[in-house]
Amino acid sequence: MSKIPVIVNGCLGKMGREAVKAVNEAEDLDLVASLDFEDDLRGRLAENSGSVVVDFTH
């Protein structure tokens, strides 16, 4: 069974760090990118294809 590719946006905040941790611990999920405010969102999304984007920005 293939893993679900996940991108976490807002990875440096408290909830973003927890999301990254949860994805890394899940056997059926694959963290393909973790982004924060300094990252070029459009460019990183073009480079990394994810089926799920978790957004913990405000």
PDB file of N, CA and C in Angstrom:
ATOM      1  N   MET A   1       0.842  -1.175   0.000  1.00  0.00           N
ATOM      2  CA  MET A   1       0.000   0.000   0.000  1.00  0.00           C
ATOM      3  C   MET A   1       0.889   1.240   0.000  1.00  0.00           C
ATOM      4  N   SER A   2       0.618   2.169  -0.886  1.00  0.00           N
ATOM      5  CA  SER A   2       1.450   3.364  -0.969  1.00  0.00           C
ATOM      6  C   SER A   2       1.060   4.375   0.105  1.00  0.00           C
ATOM      7  N   LYS A   3       2.045   5.135   0.516  1.00  0.00           N
ATOM      8  CA  LYS A   3       1.820   6.147   1.540  1.00  0.00           C
ATOM      9  C   LYS A   3       1.188   7.396   0.930  1.00  0.00           C
ATOM     10  N   ILE A   4       0.419   8.110   1.725  1.00  0.00           N
ATOM     11  CA  ILE A   4      -0.227   9.348   1.290  1.00  0.00           C
ATOM     12  C   ILE A   4       0.768  10.491   1.471  1.00  0.00           C
ATOM     13  N   PRO A   5       1.101  11.219   0.384  1.00  0.00           N
ATOM     14  CA  PRO A   5       2.038  12.334   0.509  1.00  0.00           C
ATOM     15  C   PRO A   5       1.371  13.544   1.165  1.00  0.00           C
ATOM     16  N   VAL A   6       2.061  14.108   2.169  1.00  0.00           N
ATOM     17  CA  VAL A   6       1.512  15.207   2.963  1.00  0.00           C
ATOM     18  C   VAL A   6       2.494  16.382   2.969  1.00  0.00           C
ATOM     19  N   ILE A   7       1.953  17.588   2.852  1.00  0.00           N
ATOM     20  CA  ILE A   7       2.713  18.828   2.991  1.00  0.00           C
ATOM     21  C   ILE A   7       2.170  19.549   4.217  1.00  0.00           C
ATOM     22  N   VAL A   8       3.067  20.001   5.104  1.00  0.00           N
ATOM     23  CA  VAL A   8       2.653  20.776   6.273  1.00  0.00           C
ATOM     24  C   VAL A   8       3.132  22.208   6.083  1.00  0.00           C
ATOM     25  N   ASN A   9       2.195  23.147   6.060  1.00  0.00           N
ATOM     26  CA  ASN A   9       2.501  24.570   5.947  1.00  0.00           C
ATOM     27  C   ASN A   9       2.346  25.196   7.329  1.00  0.00           C
ATOM     28  N   GLY A  10       3.354  25.946   7.752  1.00  0.00           N
ATOM     29  CA  GLY A  10       3.348  26.501   9.101  1.00  0.00           C
ATOM     30  C   GLY A  10       4.042  25.573  10.072  1.00  0.00           C
ATOM     31  N   CYS A  11       5.097  24.921   9.603  1.00  0.00           N
ATOM     32  CA  CYS A  11       5.746  23.842  10.362  1.00  0.00           C
ATOM     33  C   CYS A  11       6.545  24.300  11.577  1.00  0.00           C
ATOM     34  N   LEU A  12       6.810  25.587  11.715  1.00  0.00           N
ATOM     35  CA  LEU A  12       7.627  26.042  12.842  1.00  0.00           C
ATOM     36  C   LEU A  12       6.809  26.464  14.056  1.00  0.00           C
ATOM     37  N   GLY A  13       5.510  26.589  13.891  1.00  0.00           N
ATOM     38  CA  GLY A  13       4.650  26.922  15.023  1.00  0.00           C
ATOM     39  C   GLY A  13       4.378  25.695  15.876  1.00  0.00           C
ATOM     40  N   LYS A  14       3.741  25.924  17.013  1.00  0.00           N
ATOM     41  CA  LYS A  14       3.473  24.827  17.949  1.00  0.00           C
ATOM     42  C   LYS A  14       2.633  23.726  17.302  1.00  0.00           C
ATOM     43  N   MET A  15       1.529  24.079  16.683  1.00  0.00           N
ATOM     44  CA  MET A  15       0.662  23.077  16.055  1.00  0.00           C
ATOM     45  C   MET A  15       1.311  22.479  14.807  1.00  0.00           C
ATOM     46  N   GLY A  16       2.051  23.290  14.056  1.00  0.00           N
ATOM     47  CA  GLY A  16       2.751  22.780  12.884  1.00  0.00           C
ATOM     48  C   GLY A  16       3.784  21.735  13.244  1.00  0.00           C
ATOM     49  N   ARG A  17       4.519  21.970  14.322  1.00  0.00           N
ATOM     50  CA  ARG A  17       5.506  20.975  14.787  1.00  0.00           C
ATOM     51  C   ARG A  17       4.819  19.678  15.186  1.00  0.00           C
ATOM     52  N   GLU A  18       3.664  19.791  15.824  1.00  0.00           N
ATOM     53  CA  GLU A  18       2.911  18.589  16.206  1.00  0.00           C
ATOM     54  C   GLU A  18       2.398  17.851  14.966  1.00  0.00           C
ATOM     55  N   ALA A  19       1.979  18.600  13.957  1.00  0.00           N
ATOM     56  CA  ALA A  19       1.507  17.975  12.714  1.00  0.00           C
ATOM     57  C   ALA A  19       2.645  17.224  12.030  1.00  0.00           C
ATOM     58  N   VAL A  20       3.820  17.842  11.959  1.00  0.00           N
ATOM     59  CA  VAL A  20       4.987  17.182  11.361  1.00  0.00           C
ATOM     60  C   VAL A  20       5.315  15.905  12.131  1.00  0.00           C
ATOM     61  N   LYS A  21       5.295  15.987  13.445  1.00  0.00           N
ATOM     62  CA  LYS A  21       5.576  14.816  14.283  1.00  0.00           C
ATOM     63  C   LYS A  21       4.565  13.702  14.019  1.00  0.00           C
ATOM     64  N   ALA A  22       3.285  14.059  13.957  1.00  0.00           N
ATOM     65  CA  ALA A  22       2.232  13.062  13.732  1.00  0.00           C
ATOM     66  C   ALA A  22       2.369  12.404  12.363  1.00  0.00           C
ATOM     67  N   VAL A  23       2.667  13.197  11.343  1.00  0.00           N
ATOM     68  CA  VAL A  23       2.831  12.639   9.996  1.00  0.00           C
ATOM     69  C   VAL A  23       4.035  11.701   9.971  1.00  0.00           C
ATOM     70  N   ASN A  24       5.131  12.117  10.579  1.00  0.00           N
ATOM     71  CA  ASN A  24       6.332  11.269  10.605  1.00  0.00           C
ATOM     72  C   ASN A  24       6.105   9.962  11.349  1.00  0.00           C
ATOM     73  N   GLU A  25       5.241   9.968  12.349  1.00  0.00           N
ATOM     74  CA  GLU A  25       4.976   8.760  13.129  1.00  0.00           C
ATOM     75  C   GLU A  25       3.946   7.838  12.481  1.00  0.00           C
ATOM     76  N   ALA A  26       3.166   8.362  11.556  1.00  0.00           N
ATOM     77  CA  ALA A  26       2.121   7.562  10.908  1.00  0.00           C
ATOM     78  C   ALA A  26       2.734   6.664   9.837  1.00  0.00           C
ATOM     79  N   GLU A  27       2.356   5.413   9.848  1.00  0.00           N
ATOM     80  CA  GLU A  27       2.908   4.456   8.888  1.00  0.00           C
ATOM     81  C   GLU A  27       2.362   4.646   7.479  1.00  0.00           C
ATOM     82  N   ASP A  28       1.182   5.245   7.353  1.00  0.00           N
ATOM     83  CA  ASP A  28       0.552   5.380   6.042  1.00  0.00           C
ATOM     84  C   ASP A  28       0.696   6.773   5.441  1.00  0.00           C
ATOM     85  N   LEU A  29       1.487   7.651   6.084  1.00  0.00           N
ATOM     86  CA  LEU A  29       1.692   9.011   5.592  1.00  0.00           C
ATOM     87  C   LEU A  29       3.161   9.246   5.287  1.00  0.00           C
ATOM     88  N   ASP A  30       3.430  10.106   4.289  1.00  0.00           N
ATOM     89  CA  ASP A  30       4.793  10.447   3.893  1.00  0.00           C
ATOM     90  C   ASP A  30       4.908  11.966   3.847  1.00  0.00           C
ATOM     91  N   LEU A  31       5.724  12.547   4.719  1.00  0.00           N
ATOM     92  CA  LEU A  31       5.934  13.993   4.730  1.00  0.00           C
ATOM     93  C   LEU A  31       6.834  14.353   3.556  1.00  0.00           C
ATOM     94  N   VAL A  32       6.268  15.011   2.539  1.00  0.00           N
ATOM     95  CA  VAL A  32       7.045  15.361   1.351  1.00  0.00           C
ATOM     96  C   VAL A  32       7.581  16.781   1.414  1.00  0.00           C
ATOM     97  N   ALA A  33       6.990  17.631   2.275  1.00  0.00           N
ATOM     98  CA  ALA A  33       7.489  18.999   2.447  1.00  0.00           C
ATOM     99  C   ALA A  33       6.939  19.586   3.730  1.00  0.00           C
ATOM    100  N   SER A  34       7.765  20.398   4.369  1.00  0.00           N
ATOM    101  CA  SER A  34       7.312  21.192   5.510  1.00  0.00           C
ATOM    102  C   SER A  34       7.755  22.626   5.248  1.00  0.00           C
ATOM    103  N   LEU A  35       6.805  23.535   5.304  1.00  0.00           N
ATOM    104  CA  LEU A  35       7.033  24.917   4.893  1.00  0.00           C
ATOM    105  C   LEU A  35       6.725  25.881   6.021  1.00  0.00           C
ATOM    106  N   ASP A  36       7.379  27.055   5.982  1.00  0.00           N
ATOM    107  CA  ASP A  36       7.028  28.123   6.898  1.00  0.00           C
ATOM    108  C   ASP A  36       7.169  29.456   6.175  1.00  0.00           C
ATOM    109  N   PHE A  37       7.058  30.549   6.895  1.00  0.00           N
ATOM    110  CA  PHE A  37       6.931  31.871   6.292  1.00  0.00           C
ATOM    111  C   PHE A  37       8.106  32.267   5.411  1.00  0.00           C
ATOM    112  N   GLU A  38       9.281  31.737   5.630  1.00  0.00           N
ATOM    113  CA  GLU A  38      10.442  32.087   4.815  1.00  0.00           C
ATOM    114  C   GLU A  38      10.489  31.326   3.494  1.00  0.00           C
ATOM    115  N   ASP A  39       9.698  30.292   3.355  1.00  0.00           N
ATOM    116  CA  ASP A  39       9.707  29.466   2.150  1.00  0.00           C
ATOM    117  C   ASP A  39       8.865  30.093   1.045  1.00  0.00           C
ATOM    118  N   ASP A  40       9.254  29.827  -0.194  1.00  0.00           N
ATOM    119  CA  ASP A  40       8.472  30.224  -1.361  1.00  0.00           C
ATOM    120  C   ASP A  40       7.381  29.176  -1.552  1.00  0.00           C
ATOM    121  N   LEU A  41       6.188  29.481  -1.076  1.00  0.00           N
ATOM    122  CA  LEU A  41       5.093  28.508  -1.076  1.00  0.00           C
ATOM    123  C   LEU A  41       4.805  27.982  -2.474  1.00  0.00           C
ATOM    124  N   ARG A  42       4.647  28.863  -3.431  1.00  0.00           N
ATOM    125  CA  ARG A  42       4.318  28.444  -4.800  1.00  0.00           C
ATOM    126  C   ARG A  42       5.415  27.550  -5.383  1.00  0.00           C
ATOM    127  N   GLY A  43       6.662  27.938  -5.194  1.00  0.00           N
ATOM    128  CA  GLY A  43       7.772  27.146  -5.718  1.00  0.00           C
ATOM    129  C   GLY A  43       7.882  25.784  -5.062  1.00  0.00           C
ATOM    130  N   ARG A  44       7.735  25.746  -3.742  1.00  0.00           N
ATOM    131  CA  ARG A  44       7.834  24.474  -3.023  1.00  0.00           C
ATOM    132  C   ARG A  44       6.680  23.544  -3.364  1.00  0.00           C
ATOM    133  N   LEU A  45       5.478  24.113  -3.552  1.00  0.00           N
ATOM    134  CA  LEU A  45       4.346  23.268  -3.938  1.00  0.00           C
ATOM    135  C   LEU A  45       4.538  22.711  -5.343  1.00  0.00           C
ATOM    136  N   ALA A  46       5.177  23.481  -6.222  1.00  0.00           N
ATOM    137  CA  ALA A  46       5.448  22.996  -7.577  1.00  0.00           C
ATOM    138  C   ALA A  46       6.464  21.854  -7.551  1.00  0.00           C
ATOM    139  N   GLU A  47       7.407  21.909  -6.613  1.00  0.00           N
ATOM    140  CA  GLU A  47       8.439  20.880  -6.498  1.00  0.00           C
ATOM    141  C   GLU A  47       7.936  19.602  -5.835  1.00  0.00           C
ATOM    142  N   ASN A  48       6.990  19.739  -4.913  1.00  0.00           N
ATOM    143  CA  ASN A  48       6.541  18.614  -4.092  1.00  0.00           C
ATOM    144  C   ASN A  48       5.054  18.398  -4.266  1.00  0.00           C
ATOM    145  N   SER A  49       4.700  17.244  -4.759  1.00  0.00           N
ATOM    146  CA  SER A  49       3.296  16.922  -4.965  1.00  0.00           C
ATOM    147  C   SER A  49       2.749  16.211  -3.736  1.00  0.00           C
ATOM    148  N   GLY A  50       1.742  16.815  -3.126  1.00  0.00           N
ATOM    149  CA  GLY A  50       1.115  16.204  -1.963  1.00  0.00           C
ATOM    150  C   GLY A  50      -0.364  16.007  -2.200  1.00  0.00           C
ATOM    151  N   SER A  51      -0.903  14.922  -1.702  1.00  0.00           N
ATOM    152  CA  SER A  51      -2.346  14.695  -1.781  1.00  0.00           C
ATOM    153  C   SER A  51      -3.071  15.473  -0.704  1.00  0.00           C
ATOM    154  N   VAL A  52      -2.340  15.789   0.383  1.00  0.00           N
ATOM    155  CA  VAL A  52      -2.917  16.500   1.522  1.00  0.00           C
ATOM    156  C   VAL A  52      -2.004  17.666   1.878  1.00  0.00           C
ATOM    157  N   VAL A  53      -2.607  18.842   2.108  1.00  0.00           N
ATOM    158  CA  VAL A  53      -1.873  19.991   2.634  1.00  0.00           C
ATOM    159  C   VAL A  53      -2.500  20.354   3.968  1.00  0.00           C
ATOM    160  N   VAL A  54      -1.691  20.324   5.020  1.00  0.00           N
ATOM    161  CA  VAL A  54      -2.132  20.740   6.348  1.00  0.00           C
ATOM    162  C   VAL A  54      -1.605  22.154   6.547  1.00  0.00           C
ATOM    163  N   ASP A  55      -2.505  23.112   6.798  1.00  0.00           N
ATOM    164  CA  ASP A  55      -2.115  24.516   6.892  1.00  0.00           C
ATOM    165  C   ASP A  55      -2.342  25.037   8.306  1.00  0.00           C
ATOM    166  N   PHE A  56      -1.247  25.347   8.993  1.00  0.00           N
ATOM    167  CA  PHE A  56      -1.320  25.932  10.327  1.00  0.00           C
ATOM    168  C   PHE A  56      -0.740  27.339  10.313  1.00  0.00           C
ATOM    169  N   THR A  57      -1.129  28.123   9.325  1.00  0.00           N
ATOM    170  CA  THR A  57      -0.764  29.537   9.282  1.00  0.00           C
ATOM    171  C   THR A  57      -1.986  30.344   9.684  1.00  0.00           C
ATOM    172  N   HIS A  58      -1.784  31.612   9.886  1.00  0.00           N
ATOM    173  CA  HIS A  58      -2.941  32.463  10.206  1.00  0.00           C
ATOM    174  C   HIS A  58      -2.927  33.713   9.399  1.00  0.00           C
TER     175      HIS A  58
END
